[in-house]
C-alpha atoms as a PDB file:
ATOM      1  CA  MET A   1      59.089  35.438  22.287  1.00  0.00           C
ATOM      2  CA  LYS A   2      57.328  32.343  23.625  1.00  0.00           C
ATOM      3  CA  VAL A   3      53.794  33.113  24.796  1.00  0.00           C
ATOM      4  CA  GLN A   4      51.759  30.756  26.964  1.00  0.00           C
ATOM      5  CA  GLU A   5      48.502  29.443  25.511  1.00  0.00           C
ATOM      6  CA  TYR A   6      45.290  31.367  26.085  1.00  0.00           C
ATOM      7  CA  ASP A   7      43.395  29.325  28.684  1.00  0.00           C
ATOM      8  CA  ARG A   8      39.826  29.385  27.387  1.00  0.00           C
ATOM      9  CA  ALA A   9      38.729  26.516  29.625  1.00  0.00           C
ATOM     10  CA  ALA A  10      39.919  28.285  32.777  1.00  0.00           C
ATOM     11  CA  TRP A  11      38.024  31.467  31.872  1.00  0.00           C
ATOM     12  CA  GLU A  12      34.881  29.433  31.250  1.00  0.00           C
ATOM     13  CA  SER A  13      35.325  27.742  34.624  1.00  0.00           C
ATOM     14  CA  VAL A  14      35.152  31.145  36.348  1.00  0.00           C
ATOM     15  CA  GLU A  15      31.710  31.712  34.840  1.00  0.00           C
ATOM     16  CA  LEU A  16      30.598  28.174  35.717  1.00  0.00           C
ATOM     17  CA  LEU A  17      31.764  28.488  39.331  1.00  0.00           C
ATOM     18  CA  GLN A  18      29.892  31.781  39.680  1.00  0.00           C
ATOM     19  CA  LYS A  19      26.694  30.194  38.401  1.00  0.00           C
ATOM     20  CA  GLN A  20      27.115  27.454  41.016  1.00  0.00           C
ATOM     21  CA  HIS A  21      27.587  30.176  43.669  1.00  0.00           C
ATOM     22  CA  MET A  22      31.118  28.962  44.406  1.00  0.00           C
ATOM     23  CA  ASN A  23      32.358  32.531  44.532  1.00  0.00           C
ATOM     24  CA  ASN A  24      35.566  31.923  46.474  1.00  0.00           C
ATOM     25  CA  HIS A  25      36.688  29.318  43.955  1.00  0.00           C
ATOM     26  CA  ALA A  26      35.675  31.567  41.070  1.00  0.00           C
ATOM     27  CA  MET A  27      37.721  34.442  42.472  1.00  0.00           C
ATOM     28  CA  ALA A  28      40.756  32.198  43.020  1.00  0.00           C
ATOM     29  CA  VAL A  29      40.735  31.049  39.384  1.00  0.00           C
ATOM     30  CA  PHE A  30      40.055  34.603  38.177  1.00  0.00           C
ATOM     31  CA  LYS A  31      43.095  35.966  40.044  1.00  0.00           C
ATOM     32  CA  VAL A  32      45.362  33.219  38.718  1.00  0.00           C
ATOM     33  CA  LEU A  33      44.356  34.051  35.146  1.00  0.00           C
ATOM     34  CA  VAL A  34      44.908  37.775  35.703  1.00  0.00           C
ATOM     35  CA  GLU A  35      48.311  37.111  37.296  1.00  0.00           C
ATOM     36  CA  LYS A  36      49.376  35.087  34.247  1.00  0.00           C
ATOM     37  CA  THR A  37      48.490  37.973  31.952  1.00  0.00           C
ATOM     38  CA  PHE A  38      50.350  40.459  34.145  1.00  0.00           C
ATOM     39  CA  THR A  39      53.510  38.338  34.022  1.00  0.00           C
ATOM     40  CA  LEU A  40      53.443  38.520  30.207  1.00  0.00           C
ATOM     41  CA  PHE A  41      54.234  42.220  30.617  1.00  0.00           C
ATOM     42  CA  LYS A  42      56.736  41.621  33.419  1.00  0.00           C
ATOM     43  CA  GLN A  43      54.405  43.083  36.016  1.00  0.00           C
ATOM     44  CA  PRO A  44      54.792  41.525  39.504  1.00  0.00           C
ATOM     45  CA  ALA A  45      51.978  39.116  40.311  1.00  0.00           C
ATOM     46  CA  GLU A  46      51.646  40.428  43.871  1.00  0.00           C
ATOM     47  CA  ILE A  47      50.023  43.548  42.441  1.00  0.00           C
ATOM     48  CA  ILE A  48      46.994  41.366  41.768  1.00  0.00           C
ATOM     49  CA  THR A  49      47.187  38.930  44.687  1.00  0.00           C
ATOM     50  CA  GLU A  50      47.044  41.844  47.139  1.00  0.00           C
ATOM     51  CA  ALA A  51      44.070  43.517  45.433  1.00  0.00           C
ATOM     52  CA  ASP A  52      40.514  43.143  46.728  1.00  0.00           C
ATOM     53  CA  PHE A  53      38.322  42.438  43.689  1.00  0.00           C
ATOM     54  CA  ARG A  54      34.595  42.197  43.320  1.00  0.00           C
ATOM     55  CA  LEU A  55      33.528  39.303  41.135  1.00  0.00           C
ATOM     56  CA  PRO A  56      32.732  40.598  37.640  1.00  0.00           C
ATOM     57  CA  THR A  57      29.267  40.439  36.165  1.00  0.00           C
ATOM     58  CA  GLU A  58      28.782  38.104  33.218  1.00  0.00           C
ATOM     59  CA  ALA A  59      29.164  41.022  30.780  1.00  0.00           C
ATOM     60  CA  ALA A  60      32.299  42.317  32.508  1.00  0.00           C
ATOM     61  CA  LEU A  61      33.798  38.824  32.631  1.00  0.00           C
ATOM     62  CA  ASN A  62      33.218  38.342  28.899  1.00  0.00           C
ATOM     63  CA  SER A  63      34.859  41.689  28.190  1.00  0.00           C
ATOM     64  CA  ILE A  64      37.936  40.865  30.292  1.00  0.00           C
ATOM     65  CA  LYS A  65      38.122  37.368  28.805  1.00  0.00           C
ATOM     66  CA  ASN A  66      38.044  38.754  25.259  1.00  0.00           C
ATOM     67  CA  LEU A  67      40.725  41.323  26.069  1.00  0.00           C
ATOM     68  CA  ASP A  68      42.931  38.532  27.395  1.00  0.00           C
ATOM     69  CA  LEU A  69      42.358  36.590  24.177  1.00  0.00           C
ATOM     70  CA  GLN A  70      43.413  39.609  22.098  1.00  0.00           C
ATOM     71  CA  ILE A  71      46.509  40.137  24.258  1.00  0.00           C
ATOM     72  CA  HIS A  72      47.659  36.539  23.744  1.00  0.00           C
ATOM     73  CA  TYR A  73      46.915  36.619  20.017  1.00  0.00           C
ATOM     74  CA  HIS A  74      48.828  39.819  19.305  1.00  0.00           C
ATOM     75  CA  LEU A  75      51.787  38.785  21.452  1.00  0.00           C
ATOM     76  CA  ARG A  76      51.939  35.517  19.544  1.00  0.00           C
ATOM     77  CA  ILE A  77      52.181  37.322  16.197  1.00  0.00           C
ATOM     78  CA  GLN A  78      54.692  39.801  17.625  1.00  0.00           C
ATOM     79  CA  GLU A  79      52.406  42.850  17.510  1.00  0.00           C
ATOM     80  CA  ILE A  80      53.654  44.144  20.851  1.00  0.00           C
ATOM     81  CA  ASP A  81      52.231  47.657  20.555  1.00  0.00           C
ATOM     82  CA  VAL A  82      48.733  46.337  19.833  1.00  0.00           C
ATOM     83  CA  ALA A  83      48.993  43.829  22.689  1.00  0.00           C
ATOM     84  CA  SER A  84      50.084  46.651  25.020  1.00  0.00           C
ATOM     85  CA  ASP A  85      47.016  48.684  24.100  1.00  0.00           C
ATOM     86  CA  TYR A  86      44.776  45.722  24.888  1.00  0.00           C
ATOM     87  CA  PHE A  87      46.647  45.243  28.183  1.00  0.00           C
ATOM     88  CA  TYR A  88      45.926  48.865  29.083  1.00  0.00           C
ATOM     89  CA  ASP A  89      42.197  48.227  28.463  1.00  0.00           C
ATOM     90  CA  PHE A  90      42.516  44.972  30.433  1.00  0.00           C
ATOM     91  CA  ILE A  91      43.838  46.918  33.428  1.00  0.00           C
ATOM     92  CA  GLN A  92      41.107  49.533  33.146  1.00  0.00           C
ATOM     93  CA  SER A  93      38.462  46.806  33.168  1.00  0.00           C
ATOM     94  CA  LEU A  94      40.004  45.235  36.256  1.00  0.00           C
ATOM     95  CA  CYS A  95      40.053  48.577  38.028  1.00  0.00           C
ATOM     96  CA  GLN A  96      36.290  48.744  37.740  1.00  0.00           C
ATOM     97  CA  LEU A  97      36.244  45.745  40.095  1.00  0.00           C
ATOM     98  CA  MET A  98      38.487  47.353  42.738  1.00  0.00           C
ATOM     99  CA  SER A  99      37.968  49.762  45.577  1.00  0.00           C
ATOM    100  CA  ASP A 100      39.442  53.257  45.157  1.00  0.00           C
ATOM    101  CA  ASP A 101      42.264  52.366  47.547  1.00  0.00           C
ATOM    102  CA  ASP A 102      43.256  49.288  45.546  1.00  0.00           C
ATOM    103  CA  TYR A 103      42.891  51.199  42.280  1.00  0.00           C
ATOM    104  CA  SER A 104      45.312  53.830  43.568  1.00  0.00           C
ATOM    105  CA  ARG A 105      47.815  51.296  44.885  1.00  0.00           C
ATOM    106  CA  VAL A 106      47.798  49.081  41.754  1.00  0.00           C
ATOM    107  CA  HIS A 107      48.307  52.005  39.401  1.00  0.00           C
ATOM    108  CA  ARG A 108      51.025  53.462  41.582  1.00  0.00           C
ATOM    109  CA  LYS A 109      52.979  50.181  41.544  1.00  0.00           C
ATOM    110  CA  MET A 110      52.512  49.647  37.822  1.00  0.00           C
ATOM    111  CA  TYR A 111      53.468  53.203  36.948  1.00  0.00           C
ATOM    112  CA  ARG A 112      56.625  52.850  39.024  1.00  0.00           C
ATOM    113  CA  GLN A 113      57.459  49.471  37.443  1.00  0.00           C
ATOM    114  CA  ILE A 114      57.002  50.813  33.902  1.00  0.00           C
ATOM    115  CA  PHE A 115      59.120  53.896  34.596  1.00  0.00           C
ATOM    116  CA  ILE A 116      61.963  51.904  36.173  1.00  0.00           C
ATOM    117  CA  ALA A 117      61.993  49.431  33.283  1.00  0.00           C
ATOM    118  CA  GLN A 118      62.102  52.247  30.735  1.00  0.00           C
ATOM    119  CA  PHE A 119      64.794  54.132  32.660  1.00  0.00           C
ATOM    120  CA  ASN A 120      66.983  51.018  32.860  1.00  0.00           C
ATOM    121  CA  SER A 121      66.552  50.392  29.147  1.00  0.00           C
ATOM    122  CA  ILE A 122      68.530  53.509  28.219  1.00  0.00           C
ATOM    123  CA  SER A 123      71.712  52.480  26.460  1.00  0.00           C
ATOM    124  CA  HIS A 124      74.947  53.283  28.273  1.00  0.00           C
ATOM    125  CA  SER A 125      77.127  52.642  25.240  1.00  0.00           C
ATOM    126  CA  GLN A 126      79.467  55.259  23.815  1.00  0.00           C
ATOM    127  CA  TYR A 127      77.958  58.050  21.760  1.00  0.00           C
ATOM    128  CA  TYR A 128      78.349  57.373  18.048  1.00  0.00           C
ATOM    129  CA  THR A 129      79.119  60.125  15.581  1.00  0.00           C
ATOM    130  CA  VAL A 130      77.805  58.060  12.657  1.00  0.00           C
ATOM    131  CA  PRO A 131      75.226  60.221  10.827  1.00  0.00           C
ATOM    132  CA  LEU A 132      71.639  59.076  10.983  1.00  0.00           C
ATOM    133  CA  GLU A 133      70.505  57.215   7.912  1.00  0.00           C
ATOM    134  CA  SER A 134      67.869  58.879   5.794  1.00  0.00           C
ATOM    135  CA  GLY A 135      64.368  57.826   6.807  1.00  0.00           C
ATOM    136  CA  VAL A 136      65.248  56.814  10.385  1.00  0.00           C
ATOM    137  CA  ASP A 137      62.346  57.727  12.701  1.00  0.00           C
ATOM    138  CA  THR A 138      63.442  59.945  15.568  1.00  0.00           C
ATOM    139  CA  TYR A 139      62.102  61.824  18.561  1.00  0.00           C
ATOM    140  CA  THR A 140      63.007  65.340  19.615  1.00  0.00           C
ATOM    141  CA  SER A 141      64.480  65.850  23.083  1.00  0.00           C
ATOM    142  CA  SER A 142      61.128  67.172  24.334  1.00  0.00           C
ATOM    143  CA  GLU A 143      59.297  64.089  23.015  1.00  0.00           C
ATOM    144  CA  ALA A 144      61.869  61.806  24.643  1.00  0.00           C
ATOM    145  CA  ALA A 145      61.404  63.742  27.893  1.00  0.00           C
ATOM    146  CA  GLU A 146      57.656  63.107  27.665  1.00  0.00           C
ATOM    147  CA  ILE A 147      58.211  59.365  27.252  1.00  0.00           C
ATOM    148  CA  LEU A 148      60.688  59.035  30.128  1.00  0.00           C
ATOM    149  CA  ASN A 149      58.948  61.569  32.384  1.00  0.00           C
ATOM    150  CA  VAL A 150      62.054  63.697  32.849  1.00  0.00           C
ATOM    151  CA  SER A 151      62.997  67.224  31.824  1.00  0.00           C
ATOM    152  CA  ASP A 152      64.134  68.276  28.360  1.00  0.00           C
ATOM    153  CA  GLN A 153      67.421  69.370  29.937  1.00  0.00           C
ATOM    154  CA  THR A 154      67.969  65.876  31.363  1.00  0.00           C
ATOM    155  CA  ILE A 155      67.447  64.320  27.925  1.00  0.00           C
ATOM    156  CA  ARG A 156      69.948  66.711  26.343  1.00  0.00           C
ATOM    157  CA  ARG A 157      72.458  65.907  29.076  1.00  0.00           C
ATOM    158  CA  TRP A 158      72.006  62.178  28.467  1.00  0.00           C
ATOM    159  CA  CYS A 159      72.509  62.764  24.740  1.00  0.00           C
ATOM    160  CA  GLU A 160      75.795  64.507  25.461  1.00  0.00           C
ATOM    161  CA  LYS A 161      76.872  61.547  27.602  1.00  0.00           C
ATOM    162  CA  GLY A 162      76.025  59.061  24.847  1.00  0.00           C
ATOM    163  CA  LYS A 163      73.165  57.258  26.567  1.00  0.00           C
ATOM    164  CA  PHE A 164      71.113  57.087  23.352  1.00  0.00           C
ATOM    165  CA  VAL A 165      72.488  55.046  20.474  1.00  0.00           C
ATOM    166  CA  HIS A 166      72.960  57.105  17.289  1.00  0.00           C
ATOM    167  CA  ALA A 167      71.451  60.280  18.729  1.00  0.00           C
ATOM    168  CA  GLU A 168      72.520  63.201  16.575  1.00  0.00           C
ATOM    169  CA  LYS A 169      72.720  66.942  17.037  1.00  0.00           C
ATOM    170  CA  THR A 170      71.437  69.035  14.145  1.00  0.00           C
ATOM    171  CA  ASP A 171      73.176  72.113  12.783  1.00  0.00           C
ATOM    172  CA  GLY A 172      70.662  74.137  14.738  1.00  0.00           C
ATOM    173  CA  GLY A 173      71.718  72.477  17.998  1.00  0.00           C
ATOM    174  CA  HIS A 174      68.647  70.247  18.398  1.00  0.00           C
ATOM    175  CA  TRP A 175      68.909  66.562  19.294  1.00  0.00           C
ATOM    176  CA  ARG A 176      67.296  63.850  17.192  1.00  0.00           C
ATOM    177  CA  ILE A 177      67.019  60.484  18.967  1.00  0.00           C
ATOM    178  CA  PRO A 178      66.143  57.269  17.058  1.00  0.00           C
ATOM    179  CA  LYS A 179      62.888  55.725  18.243  1.00  0.00           C
ATOM    180  CA  THR A 180      64.660  52.370  18.585  1.00  0.00           C
ATOM    181  CA  ASN A 181      66.079  53.637  21.899  1.00  0.00           C
ATOM    182  CA  PHE A 182      62.628  53.401  23.475  1.00  0.00           C
ATOM    183  CA  LYS A 183      60.471  50.424  24.401  1.00  0.00           C
ATOM    184  CA  ILE A 184      57.244  52.385  24.256  1.00  0.00           C
ATOM    185  CA  SER A 185      56.004  55.041  21.856  1.00  0.00           C
ATOM    186  CA  LEU A 186      55.165  58.647  22.636  1.00  0.00           C
ATOM    187  CA  GLU A 187      51.473  57.839  22.203  1.00  0.00           C
ATOM    188  CA  GLN A 188      51.685  54.973  24.731  1.00  0.00           C
ATOM    189  CA  ALA A 189      53.544  57.188  27.215  1.00  0.00           C
ATOM    190  CA  ILE A 190      50.846  59.865  26.992  1.00  0.00           C
ATOM    191  CA  LYS A 191      48.132  57.244  27.441  1.00  0.00           C
ATOM    192  CA  ARG A 192      49.820  55.793  30.513  1.00  0.00           C
ATOM    193  CA  LYS A 193      50.269  59.243  32.019  1.00  0.00           C
ATOM    194  CA  GLU A 194      46.505  59.588  31.992  1.00  0.00           C
ATOM    195  CA  VAL A 195      46.530  56.801  34.569  1.00  0.00           C
ATOM    196  CA  GLY A 196      49.145  58.681  36.581  1.00  0.00           C
ATOM    197  CA  ALA A 197      47.035  61.834  36.467  1.00  0.00           C
ATOM    198  CA  LYS A 198      44.039  59.948  37.822  1.00  0.00           C
ATOM    199  CA  LEU A 199      46.239  58.515  40.560  1.00  0.00           C
ATOM    200  CA  ASP A 200      47.385  62.032  41.504  1.00  0.00           C
ATOM    201  CA  ARG A 201      43.777  63.205  41.744  1.00  0.00           C
ATOM    202  CA  ILE A 202      42.884  60.293  44.006  1.00  0.00           C
ATOM    203  CA  GLN A 203      45.838  61.001  46.282  1.00  0.00           C
ATOM    204  CA  GLN A 204      45.077  64.716  46.418  1.00  0.00           C
ATOM    205  CA  GLU A 205      41.520  63.930  47.436  1.00  0.00           C
ATOM    206  CA  ASP A 206      42.929  61.746  50.212  1.00  0.00           C
ATOM    207  CA  GLY A 207      45.275  64.542  51.287  1.00  0.00           C
ATOM    208  CA  GLU A 208      48.413  62.680  50.188  1.00  0.00           C
ATOM    209  CA  SER A 209      51.244  64.000  48.042  1.00  0.00           C
ATOM    210  CA  LEU A 210      52.973  61.985  45.335  1.00  0.00           C
ATOM    211  CA  ASP A 211      56.541  61.083  46.229  1.00  0.00           C
ATOM    212  CA  GLU A 212      58.395  61.097  42.919  1.00  0.00           C
ATOM    213  CA  SER A 213      61.410  59.418  44.503  1.00  0.00           C
ATOM    214  CA  GLU A 214      59.409  56.193  44.671  1.00  0.00           C
ATOM    215  CA  TYR A 215      59.353  56.069  40.871  1.00  0.00           C
ATOM    216  CA  ILE A 216      63.143  56.261  40.395  1.00  0.00           C
END
């Protein structure tokens, strides 16, 4: 995976422009840098370009800048899970600079994008009857359901149809699905659902209901 260079000079220019009270220029550079980081995780740049940010304080800017540095570093050494955790914190920091409406909209779009990407990643190859090798890490059907945000029954049906490579049914009738079928871990899925829960609360306060069809 080829990762673009961390742009230290551009981040420093945001701080310099703010000190010179050139806030419009500072915001323009800030958004470009954020967009570049979003594209590393295949998130559409328009999520950011459409958002109405407040300029960060010096402390907040340093925090976001350091998170971006960590994201680039861990992507470069192929520690994708660690980079993803830093990206989550990066998003949370950005949300502190948004209005509630933008916070809700950004998280809604990202949650939908992540779910669609994960759903499309499910293998459609034939089901293999090759026994699982000893020591292969697996998820139960309920854990897989948690990751993909579907029902346990749906996961079992997909197993029967061979959508998960090397999924195996135990003698007790329980499915064991290799973790290699998933792009994110159970822990990451739970963490991201916390964002979804906050989004639901915001929408309920606004009197809106969540349309699940928009996520599929």
